[in-house]
Amino acid sequence: MQAKLAIKDNNQQYANNVSLRNQKNGKLFKQLKNINSKIDLNQTQMRLNQASNDKHVSRQKNKSKSLSKKENAERKSKNSVSPRLLGKLSSALTSVKKEGQERINALRRNLDKEDDFEKQDRIDEIETETGRSMER
């Protein structure tokens, strides 16, 4: 800013002497050019740093996502049971249920037979006691 003010003052002060004005302002323009190139260089460096940081953040996010996917896959593989094993277990359970039901049915049939035997025994007792025959 000071260089720009000095150039303005030189333009006013040496308006009649162009060569002296150009000589004094030339040094100031070089300073401005150096300052502008430093600013441009700093801005470029800042943009490069920002881009590098953005890439680093992006890599970290991708790495985090990748790790999450890997952990989820590992959890699934640890918790999952093969479909073939599930089928076999289901078949075994069905078989056990069927056998259990058959046993229950057999017990019921036997109980009914025992009831028939007890009924017949009771009829025989009554017939013996009374001496009469009961119709069946």
Protein backbone atom coordinates (compact mmCIF):
# COMPACT_ATOMS: atom_id res chain seq x y z
CA MET A 1 0.00 0.00 0.00
CA GLN A 2 2.88 2.34 0.84
CA ALA A 3 4.47 1.64 -2.53
CA LYS A 4 1.25 2.56 -4.31
CA LEU A 5 1.00 5.83 -2.37
CA ALA A 6 4.63 6.61 -3.19
CA ILE A 7 3.96 6.00 -6.90
CA LYS A 8 0.97 8.36 -6.74
CA ASP A 9 3.06 11.03 -5.01
CA ASN A 10 5.85 10.61 -7.60
CA ASN A 11 3.33 10.95 -10.44
CA GLN A 12 2.14 14.26 -9.01
CA GLN A 13 5.57 15.55 -8.00
CA TYR A 14 7.38 14.63 -11.23
CA ALA A 15 4.56 15.21 -13.70
CA ASN A 16 6.87 17.47 -15.77
CA ASN A 17 9.96 15.23 -15.58
CA VAL A 18 8.91 11.85 -17.06
CA SER A 19 12.36 10.21 -16.97
CA LEU A 20 12.91 10.96 -13.27
CA ARG A 21 9.32 9.88 -12.48
CA ASN A 22 9.85 6.59 -14.35
CA GLN A 23 13.20 6.03 -12.65
CA LYS A 24 11.74 6.48 -9.12
CA ASN A 25 8.51 4.62 -9.88
CA GLY A 26 10.40 1.75 -11.57
CA LYS A 27 11.90 0.71 -8.24
CA LEU A 28 8.48 0.92 -6.58
CA PHE A 29 6.86 -1.15 -9.37
CA LYS A 30 9.51 -3.83 -8.89
CA GLN A 31 8.70 -3.89 -5.17
CA LEU A 32 4.99 -4.22 -5.96
CA LYS A 33 5.70 -6.97 -8.46
CA ASN A 34 7.77 -8.88 -5.88
CA ILE A 35 5.08 -8.39 -3.25
CA ASN A 36 2.36 -9.55 -5.67
CA SER A 37 4.38 -12.61 -6.67
CA LYS A 38 4.92 -13.46 -3.00
CA ILE A 39 1.19 -13.08 -2.38
CA ASP A 40 0.41 -15.22 -5.43
CA LEU A 41 2.96 -17.78 -4.26
CA ASN A 42 1.45 -17.82 -0.77
CA GLN A 43 -2.07 -18.16 -2.17
CA THR A 44 -0.93 -20.96 -4.46
CA GLN A 45 0.78 -22.68 -1.56
CA MET A 46 -2.36 -22.30 0.57
CA ARG A 47 -4.49 -23.80 -2.22
CA LEU A 48 -2.07 -26.71 -2.58
CA ASN A 49 -2.10 -27.27 1.18
CA GLN A 50 -5.91 -27.16 1.20
CA ALA A 51 -6.07 -29.63 -1.68
CA SER A 52 -3.62 -31.89 0.11
CA ASN A 53 -5.67 -31.65 3.31
CA ASP A 54 -8.86 -32.40 1.35
CA LYS A 55 -7.21 -35.49 -0.16
CA HIS A 56 -6.00 -36.59 3.27
CA VAL A 57 -9.48 -36.15 4.76
CA SER A 58 -10.99 -38.00 1.81
CA ARG A 59 -8.52 -40.86 2.25
CA GLN A 60 -9.30 -41.02 5.96
CA LYS A 61 -13.04 -41.16 5.23
CA ASN A 62 -12.52 -43.89 2.63
CA LYS A 63 -10.28 -45.79 5.01
CA SER A 64 -12.88 -45.46 7.76
CA LYS A 65 -15.66 -46.64 5.44
CA SER A 66 -13.50 -49.52 4.29
CA LEU A 67 -12.78 -50.55 7.88
CA SER A 68 -16.47 -50.29 8.77
CA LYS A 69 -17.42 -52.48 5.82
CA LYS A 70 -14.74 -54.99 6.74
CA GLU A 71 -15.87 -55.06 10.39
CA ASN A 72 -19.50 -55.50 9.33
CA ALA A 73 -18.54 -58.32 7.00
CA GLU A 74 -16.54 -60.00 9.77
CA ARG A 75 -19.46 -59.62 12.19
CA LYS A 76 -21.84 -61.10 9.65
CA SER A 77 -19.52 -64.00 8.96
CA LYS A 78 -19.13 -64.69 12.68
CA ASN A 79 -22.87 -64.47 13.38
CA SER A 80 -24.16 -66.18 10.29
CA VAL A 81 -24.95 -69.87 10.01
CA SER A 82 -24.72 -71.66 6.73
CA PRO A 83 -28.06 -72.29 4.99
CA ARG A 84 -27.16 -75.97 4.64
CA LEU A 85 -26.73 -76.33 8.40
CA LEU A 86 -30.01 -74.49 9.00
CA GLY A 87 -31.76 -76.89 6.63
CA LYS A 88 -30.36 -79.91 8.42
CA LEU A 89 -31.35 -78.53 11.82
CA SER A 90 -34.84 -77.77 10.55
CA SER A 91 -35.17 -81.29 9.16
CA ALA A 92 -33.99 -82.80 12.45
CA LEU A 93 -36.47 -80.69 14.41
CA THR A 94 -39.31 -81.75 12.12
CA SER A 95 -38.30 -85.38 12.58
CA VAL A 96 -38.24 -85.02 16.38
CA LYS A 97 -41.67 -83.35 16.32
CA LYS A 98 -43.06 -86.13 14.15
CA GLU A 99 -41.66 -88.87 16.40
CA GLY A 100 -43.03 -87.08 19.46
CA GLN A 101 -46.47 -86.84 17.93
CA GLU A 102 -46.38 -90.54 17.00
CA ARG A 103 -45.49 -91.43 20.61
CA ILE A 104 -48.33 -89.29 21.92
CA ASN A 105 -50.76 -90.95 19.53
CA ALA A 106 -49.53 -94.43 20.54
CA LEU A 107 -49.95 -93.58 24.22
CA ARG A 108 -53.48 -92.39 23.55
CA ARG A 109 -54.31 -95.61 21.70
CA ASN A 110 -52.92 -97.67 24.55
CA LEU A 111 -54.90 -95.66 27.09
CA ASP A 112 -58.06 -96.22 25.06
CA LYS A 113 -57.31 -99.98 24.95
CA GLU A 114 -56.68 -100.02 28.69
CA ASP A 115 -59.97 -98.22 29.20
CA ASP A 116 -61.66 -100.90 27.09
CA PHE A 117 -59.99 -103.63 29.16
CA GLU A 118 -61.03 -101.96 32.39
CA LYS A 119 -64.57 -101.57 31.08
CA GLN A 120 -64.69 -105.25 30.12
CA ASP A 121 -63.33 -106.26 33.53
CA ARG A 122 -66.01 -104.17 35.24
CA ILE A 123 -68.73 -105.77 33.10
CA ASP A 124 -67.38 -109.22 33.96
CA GLU A 125 -67.41 -108.33 37.66
CA ILE A 126 -71.00 -107.09 37.48
CA GLU A 127 -72.09 -110.19 35.60
CA THR A 128 -70.38 -112.40 38.16
CA GLU A 129 -71.95 -110.56 41.08
CA THR A 130 -75.43 -110.44 39.65
CA GLY A 131 -75.34 -113.66 37.80
CA ARG A 132 -76.87 -111.99 34.77
CA SER A 133 -75.32 -111.41 31.39
CA MET A 134 -75.11 -107.84 30.11
CA GLU A 135 -75.52 -107.15 26.42
CA ARG A 136 -72.55 -105.88 24.62
